[in-house]
Amino acid sequence: AGRFWQESVNPSQPVIPIHDIYSETAHNVELIVQAELPLVSSAFRMSGCTPAQICQHWLLQCFWNYLDWPDVCRYVLLCTLMGSDFQAYFCVAVLRHLQANILLQTQKQCLFTWLMETPIVGFELSEDIFSFMLHLKEKYATPLER
């Protein structure tokens, strides 16, 4: 019903279906950010956007134009080898990396635009970040995913 309603509101804009895996990942990102990064969660709330919106955009573009090419390759390899739930853990790790900038851009009232237009600088899939993602998996994975 939602798709028909969307199409009738503005038929000139195509409705782009979002695969269920992206919806699930976005939901997981929201839950984890609220628990693990409360300042980031508050900053998004104050900005009127959600971490899920940004992460869904990044994921649909496979981080293209946001990460350097080797890091895009590492992201794809990580999700291929470790499972699709690592999309959410990767996004949370990126948001944790950007936390200081997220808080600054929130003060400037341009968080959404900054996140949509600015490359992710200085993020590398290091051993520390991978350990953080493993910690998230251990803490948030459902029993069926383990």
Protein backbone atom coordinates (compact mmCIF):
# COMPACT_ATOMS: atom_id res chain seq x y z
CA ALA A 1 0.00 0.00 0.00
CA GLY A 2 2.86 2.37 0.84
CA ARG A 3 4.36 2.06 -2.62
CA PHE A 4 1.09 2.87 -4.36
CA TRP A 5 0.59 5.86 -2.12
CA GLN A 6 4.15 7.09 -2.76
CA GLU A 7 3.71 6.74 -6.50
CA SER A 8 0.43 8.63 -6.47
CA VAL A 9 1.96 11.52 -4.49
CA ASN A 10 4.73 12.21 -6.95
CA PRO A 11 4.59 10.05 -10.07
CA SER A 12 7.54 11.89 -11.66
CA GLN A 13 9.98 10.43 -9.11
CA PRO A 14 10.59 6.69 -9.37
CA VAL A 15 10.21 4.62 -6.24
CA ILE A 16 13.49 2.88 -5.54
CA PRO A 17 12.88 -0.35 -3.66
CA ILE A 18 15.15 -0.89 -0.68
CA HIS A 19 16.22 -4.49 -0.24
CA ASP A 20 15.23 -6.02 3.11
CA ILE A 21 18.88 -6.47 4.10
CA TYR A 22 19.37 -2.68 4.01
CA SER A 23 16.27 -2.11 6.14
CA GLU A 24 17.44 -4.67 8.68
CA THR A 25 20.94 -3.21 8.70
CA ALA A 26 19.57 0.31 9.17
CA HIS A 27 17.45 -0.87 12.09
CA ASN A 28 20.47 -2.58 13.68
CA VAL A 29 22.60 0.55 13.20
CA GLU A 30 19.96 2.60 15.03
CA LEU A 31 19.85 0.20 17.97
CA ILE A 32 23.62 -0.12 18.29
CA VAL A 33 24.31 3.61 17.93
CA GLN A 34 21.77 4.39 20.67
CA ALA A 35 23.49 1.97 23.03
CA GLU A 36 27.16 2.39 22.08
CA LEU A 37 27.38 6.00 20.87
CA PRO A 38 24.82 8.02 22.86
CA LEU A 39 26.36 11.38 21.92
CA VAL A 40 26.21 10.52 18.23
CA SER A 41 22.62 9.33 18.63
CA SER A 42 21.67 12.63 20.31
CA ALA A 43 23.45 14.64 17.63
CA PHE A 44 21.46 12.89 14.92
CA ARG A 45 18.22 13.43 16.82
CA MET A 46 18.98 17.16 17.19
CA SER A 47 19.82 17.38 13.48
CA GLY A 48 16.53 15.87 12.39
CA CYS A 49 18.04 12.91 10.59
CA THR A 50 18.95 9.39 11.63
CA PRO A 51 22.08 7.28 11.49
CA ALA A 52 20.02 4.81 9.44
CA GLN A 53 19.43 7.40 6.69
CA ILE A 54 23.13 8.11 6.34
CA CYS A 55 24.21 4.48 6.59
CA GLN A 56 21.61 3.36 4.08
CA HIS A 57 22.96 5.96 1.65
CA TRP A 58 26.54 4.81 2.24
CA LEU A 59 25.55 1.15 1.86
CA LEU A 60 23.58 1.67 -1.34
CA GLN A 61 26.71 3.29 -2.80
CA CYS A 62 28.96 0.63 -1.20
CA PHE A 63 30.88 3.53 0.37
CA TRP A 64 31.92 4.61 -3.13
CA ASN A 65 33.15 8.25 -3.02
CA TYR A 66 33.23 8.11 0.79
CA LEU A 67 36.11 5.72 1.41
CA ASP A 68 39.31 5.26 -0.53
CA TRP A 69 39.22 2.39 -3.04
CA PRO A 70 41.29 -0.04 -0.89
CA ASP A 71 38.89 0.54 2.02
CA VAL A 72 35.87 -0.05 -0.23
CA CYS A 73 37.47 -3.37 -1.22
CA ARG A 74 38.13 -4.22 2.44
CA TYR A 75 34.50 -3.43 3.28
CA VAL A 76 33.20 -5.73 0.53
CA LEU A 77 35.62 -8.48 1.54
CA LEU A 78 34.71 -8.11 5.22
CA CYS A 79 30.97 -8.46 4.54
CA THR A 80 31.56 -11.35 2.14
CA LEU A 81 33.69 -13.29 4.61
CA MET A 82 32.06 -12.34 7.91
CA GLY A 83 28.40 -12.00 6.93
CA SER A 84 25.91 -9.31 6.11
CA ASP A 85 25.51 -8.27 9.77
CA PHE A 86 28.97 -6.75 9.47
CA GLN A 87 27.42 -3.99 7.34
CA ALA A 88 25.86 -2.62 10.51
CA TYR A 89 29.02 -3.06 12.60
CA PHE A 90 31.07 -1.36 9.89
CA CYS A 91 28.68 1.61 9.79
CA VAL A 92 28.79 1.94 13.58
CA ALA A 93 32.60 1.82 13.47
CA VAL A 94 32.60 4.61 10.86
CA LEU A 95 30.22 6.71 12.97
CA ARG A 96 32.43 6.14 16.02
CA HIS A 97 35.43 7.27 13.96
CA LEU A 98 33.51 10.41 12.91
CA GLN A 99 32.09 11.15 16.37
CA ALA A 100 34.04 14.39 17.03
CA ASN A 101 33.19 15.71 13.56
CA ILE A 102 29.55 14.68 13.94
CA LEU A 103 29.29 16.69 17.15
CA LEU A 104 31.01 19.69 15.52
CA GLN A 105 28.80 19.61 12.42
CA THR A 106 25.72 19.33 14.63
CA GLN A 107 26.73 22.58 16.33
CA LYS A 108 27.12 24.16 12.89
CA GLN A 109 23.65 22.81 11.97
CA CYS A 110 24.89 21.08 8.82
CA LEU A 111 25.33 17.44 9.90
CA PHE A 112 23.19 15.83 7.19
CA THR A 113 24.78 17.81 4.35
CA TRP A 114 28.29 17.23 5.70
CA LEU A 115 27.77 13.46 6.00
CA MET A 116 26.23 13.21 2.53
CA GLU A 117 28.91 15.27 0.77
CA THR A 118 32.15 14.69 2.65
CA PRO A 119 34.49 11.73 2.21
CA ILE A 120 35.30 9.70 5.32
CA VAL A 121 38.87 10.76 6.04
CA GLY A 122 41.28 8.72 8.13
CA PHE A 123 39.15 5.60 8.49
CA GLU A 124 41.06 2.38 7.92
CA LEU A 125 40.01 -1.14 8.74
CA SER A 126 42.69 -1.66 11.37
CA GLU A 127 43.01 -4.38 13.97
CA ASP A 128 41.42 -2.09 16.59
CA ILE A 129 38.40 -1.38 14.42
CA PHE A 130 38.03 -5.04 13.52
CA SER A 131 38.17 -5.91 17.25
CA PHE A 132 35.48 -3.31 17.90
CA MET A 133 33.28 -4.89 15.22
CA LEU A 134 33.83 -8.36 16.69
CA HIS A 135 32.82 -6.97 20.08
CA LEU A 136 29.63 -5.58 18.51
CA LYS A 137 28.89 -8.94 16.89
CA GLU A 138 29.39 -10.74 20.19
CA LYS A 139 27.12 -8.30 21.98
CA TYR A 140 24.34 -7.77 19.40
CA ALA A 141 24.17 -10.83 17.13
CA THR A 142 21.09 -12.97 17.60
CA PRO A 143 21.58 -16.60 18.63
CA LEU A 144 20.67 -17.74 15.10
CA GLU A 145 23.44 -15.64 13.55
CA ARG A 146 26.16 -16.99 15.86
